[in-house]
C-alpha atoms as a PDB file:
ATOM      1  CA  MET A   1     -38.932 -18.918  -2.323  1.00  0.00           C
ATOM      2  CA  LEU A   2     -35.898 -20.891  -3.437  1.00  0.00           C
ATOM      3  CA  GLU A   3     -34.407 -21.381  -0.081  1.00  0.00           C
ATOM      4  CA  PRO A   4     -35.309 -25.350   0.160  1.00  0.00           C
ATOM      5  CA  VAL A   5     -33.199 -25.870  -3.050  1.00  0.00           C
ATOM      6  CA  LEU A   6     -30.286 -23.279  -2.142  1.00  0.00           C
ATOM      7  CA  GLY A   7     -30.190 -24.293   1.331  1.00  0.00           C
ATOM      8  CA  ALA A   8     -30.257 -20.628   2.992  1.00  0.00           C
ATOM      9  CA  THR A   9     -32.384 -17.460   2.558  1.00  0.00           C
ATOM     10  CA  SER A  10     -28.927 -15.641   2.390  1.00  0.00           C
ATOM     11  CA  LYS A  11     -27.718 -17.466  -0.712  1.00  0.00           C
ATOM     12  CA  GLU A  12     -31.111 -16.902  -2.372  1.00  0.00           C
ATOM     13  CA  ARG A  13     -30.982 -13.136  -1.815  1.00  0.00           C
ATOM     14  CA  VAL A  14     -27.279 -13.255  -2.905  1.00  0.00           C
ATOM     15  CA  LEU A  15     -28.020 -15.020  -6.111  1.00  0.00           C
ATOM     16  CA  VAL A  16     -31.325 -13.273  -6.902  1.00  0.00           C
ATOM     17  CA  PHE A  17     -29.685  -9.769  -6.374  1.00  0.00           C
ATOM     18  CA  LEU A  18     -26.822 -10.905  -8.776  1.00  0.00           C
ATOM     19  CA  THR A  19     -29.448 -11.970 -11.083  1.00  0.00           C
ATOM     20  CA  CYS A  20     -31.010  -8.774 -11.573  1.00  0.00           C
ATOM     21  CA  ARG A  21     -28.187  -6.246 -11.147  1.00  0.00           C
ATOM     22  CA  GLY A  22     -25.203  -8.145 -12.686  1.00  0.00           C
ATOM     23  CA  GLU A  23     -22.848  -7.333  -9.848  1.00  0.00           C
ATOM     24  CA  GLY A  24     -22.713  -6.277  -6.247  1.00  0.00           C
ATOM     25  CA  TYR A  25     -21.053  -6.148  -2.766  1.00  0.00           C
ATOM     26  CA  PRO A  26     -21.940  -7.542   0.629  1.00  0.00           C
ATOM     27  CA  ARG A  27     -23.115  -4.377   2.481  1.00  0.00           C
ATOM     28  CA  GLU A  28     -25.365  -3.500  -0.683  1.00  0.00           C
ATOM     29  CA  ILE A  29     -27.181  -6.724  -0.819  1.00  0.00           C
ATOM     30  CA  ALA A  30     -27.444  -6.692   3.032  1.00  0.00           C
ATOM     31  CA  ARG A  31     -29.285  -3.236   3.009  1.00  0.00           C
ATOM     32  CA  PHE A  32     -31.346  -4.097   0.392  1.00  0.00           C
ATOM     33  CA  PHE A  33     -32.979  -6.851   2.166  1.00  0.00           C
ATOM     34  CA  GLY A  34     -32.681  -5.390   5.596  1.00  0.00           C
ATOM     35  CA  THR A  35     -30.593  -8.194   6.958  1.00  0.00           C
ATOM     36  CA  GLY A  36     -26.940  -8.956   8.601  1.00  0.00           C
ATOM     37  CA  LEU A  37     -23.885  -8.296   6.938  1.00  0.00           C
ATOM     38  CA  ARG A  38     -22.053 -11.233   7.967  1.00  0.00           C
ATOM     39  CA  PRO A  39     -24.513 -14.045   6.423  1.00  0.00           C
ATOM     40  CA  ILE A  40     -24.364 -12.244   3.243  1.00  0.00           C
ATOM     41  CA  GLN A  41     -20.425 -12.341   3.253  1.00  0.00           C
ATOM     42  CA  ARG A  42     -20.288 -15.986   4.323  1.00  0.00           C
ATOM     43  CA  GLN A  43     -22.586 -17.001   1.448  1.00  0.00           C
ATOM     44  CA  MET A  44     -20.408 -14.943  -1.204  1.00  0.00           C
ATOM     45  CA  GLU A  45     -17.180 -16.263   0.132  1.00  0.00           C
ATOM     46  CA  ALA A  46     -18.672 -19.838  -0.215  1.00  0.00           C
ATOM     47  CA  LEU A  47     -20.103 -19.344  -3.834  1.00  0.00           C
ATOM     48  CA  GLU A  48     -16.979 -17.904  -4.836  1.00  0.00           C
ATOM     49  CA  ALA A  49     -14.934 -20.755  -3.416  1.00  0.00           C
ATOM     50  CA  GLY A  50     -17.281 -23.078  -5.149  1.00  0.00           C
ATOM     51  CA  GLY A  51     -16.708 -21.200  -8.419  1.00  0.00           C
ATOM     52  CA  VAL A  52     -20.252 -19.804  -8.844  1.00  0.00           C
ATOM     53  CA  LEU A  53     -19.045 -16.243  -8.455  1.00  0.00           C
ATOM     54  CA  TRP A  54     -15.962 -14.423  -8.906  1.00  0.00           C
ATOM     55  CA  SER A  55     -14.986 -10.892  -7.400  1.00  0.00           C
ATOM     56  CA  ARG A  56     -12.528  -8.043  -8.097  1.00  0.00           C
ATOM     57  CA  ARG A  57     -11.739  -5.076  -6.375  1.00  0.00           C
ATOM     58  CA  ALA A  58     -12.903  -1.468  -7.024  1.00  0.00           C
ATOM     59  CA  GLY A  59     -11.047   0.796  -4.756  1.00  0.00           C
ATOM     60  CA  ARG A  60     -11.589  -0.750  -1.146  1.00  0.00           C
ATOM     61  CA  THR A  61     -14.611  -2.338  -2.341  1.00  0.00           C
ATOM     62  CA  ARG A  62     -14.795  -6.140  -3.401  1.00  0.00           C
ATOM     63  CA  LEU A  63     -17.558  -6.523  -6.179  1.00  0.00           C
ATOM     64  CA  TYR A  64     -18.960  -9.978  -7.117  1.00  0.00           C
ATOM     65  CA  ALA A  65     -20.698 -11.243 -10.177  1.00  0.00           C
ATOM     66  CA  PHE A  66     -21.519 -14.612 -11.786  1.00  0.00           C
ATOM     67  CA  ASP A  67     -18.343 -16.447 -13.114  1.00  0.00           C
ATOM     68  CA  PRO A  68     -18.990 -16.915 -16.729  1.00  0.00           C
ATOM     69  CA  ARG A  69     -16.673 -20.238 -16.759  1.00  0.00           C
ATOM     70  CA  TYR A  70     -19.484 -21.854 -14.275  1.00  0.00           C
ATOM     71  CA  PRO A  71     -20.382 -24.709 -16.044  1.00  0.00           C
ATOM     72  CA  PHE A  72     -24.359 -24.651 -14.953  1.00  0.00           C
ATOM     73  CA  LEU A  73     -24.363 -20.896 -15.289  1.00  0.00           C
ATOM     74  CA  LYS A  74     -27.141 -21.134 -17.695  1.00  0.00           C
ATOM     75  CA  GLU A  75     -29.423 -23.629 -15.879  1.00  0.00           C
ATOM     76  CA  LEU A  76     -28.752 -21.660 -12.506  1.00  0.00           C
ATOM     77  CA  LYS A  77     -29.819 -18.314 -14.028  1.00  0.00           C
ATOM     78  CA  SER A  78     -32.967 -19.804 -15.468  1.00  0.00           C
ATOM     79  CA  LEU A  79     -33.956 -21.430 -12.235  1.00  0.00           C
ATOM     80  CA  LEU A  80     -33.306 -18.052 -10.397  1.00  0.00           C
ATOM     81  CA  GLU A  81     -35.418 -15.949 -13.270  1.00  0.00           C
ATOM     82  CA  ARG A  82     -38.169 -18.473 -13.043  1.00  0.00           C
ATOM     83  CA  GLY A  83     -38.109 -17.975  -8.991  1.00  0.00           C
ATOM     84  CA  LEU A  84     -38.110 -14.304  -9.450  1.00  0.00           C
ATOM     85  CA  SER A  85     -41.157 -14.400 -11.041  1.00  0.00           C
ATOM     86  CA  PHE A  86     -43.034 -15.607  -8.137  1.00  0.00           C
ATOM     87  CA  TYR A  87     -41.875 -12.606  -5.982  1.00  0.00           C
ATOM     88  CA  PRO A  88     -44.362  -9.562  -5.728  1.00  0.00           C
ATOM     89  CA  ALA A  89     -44.212  -7.000  -8.557  1.00  0.00           C
ATOM     90  CA  GLY A  90     -43.045  -4.303  -6.198  1.00  0.00           C
ATOM     91  CA  ASP A  91     -40.023  -6.366  -5.174  1.00  0.00           C
ATOM     92  CA  ARG A  92     -39.090  -7.351  -8.947  1.00  0.00           C
ATOM     93  CA  GLN A  93     -39.240  -3.705  -9.681  1.00  0.00           C
ATOM     94  CA  ARG A  94     -36.973  -2.750  -6.874  1.00  0.00           C
ATOM     95  CA  LEU A  95     -34.555  -5.518  -7.604  1.00  0.00           C
ATOM     96  CA  ARG A  96     -34.334  -4.218 -11.471  1.00  0.00           C
ATOM     97  CA  MET A  97     -34.084  -0.425 -10.549  1.00  0.00           C
ATOM     98  CA  ASN A  98     -30.283  -0.034 -10.646  1.00  0.00           C
ATOM     99  CA  ARG A  99     -29.469   3.589  -9.404  1.00  0.00           C
ATOM    100  CA  ARG A 100     -25.677   3.789  -8.812  1.00  0.00           C
ATOM    101  CA  ARG A 101     -25.424   7.626  -8.456  1.00  0.00           C
ATOM    102  CA  PRO A 102     -27.386  10.496  -6.438  1.00  0.00           C
ATOM    103  CA  ARG A 103     -30.200  12.244  -7.868  1.00  0.00           C
ATOM    104  CA  LYS A 104     -29.708  15.545  -9.036  1.00  0.00           C
ATOM    105  CA  THR A 105     -30.585  18.206  -6.317  1.00  0.00           C
ATOM    106  CA  GLY A 106     -34.119  19.499  -6.415  1.00  0.00           C
ATOM    107  CA  LYS A 107     -35.332  16.974  -9.057  1.00  0.00           C
ATOM    108  CA  PRO A 108     -38.944  16.001  -8.093  1.00  0.00           C
ATOM    109  CA  LEU A 109     -39.383  12.106  -7.276  1.00  0.00           C
END
């Protein structure tokens, strides 16, 4: 949806994912959207170099999030939220559901 403005589908995926979840790592985003890992990594590295994202290490994983010092962060998030409102309801719900730990054994779905 925002690809013409942002320039790449993988960039849109990264930014929308981080808007919904707050932080994430490249493999998680690639698995979520069912895409290749390398394009996601390239976009995250480019966005970090541009000052839009920042990263930190958590063990061997590099977590990315929006840089709060980015001057246009409020406007960018507003644009992404507006673009997200045009996603199908199922996709929006999946993006916003942020389970990071496994389900208890035997618990029904």
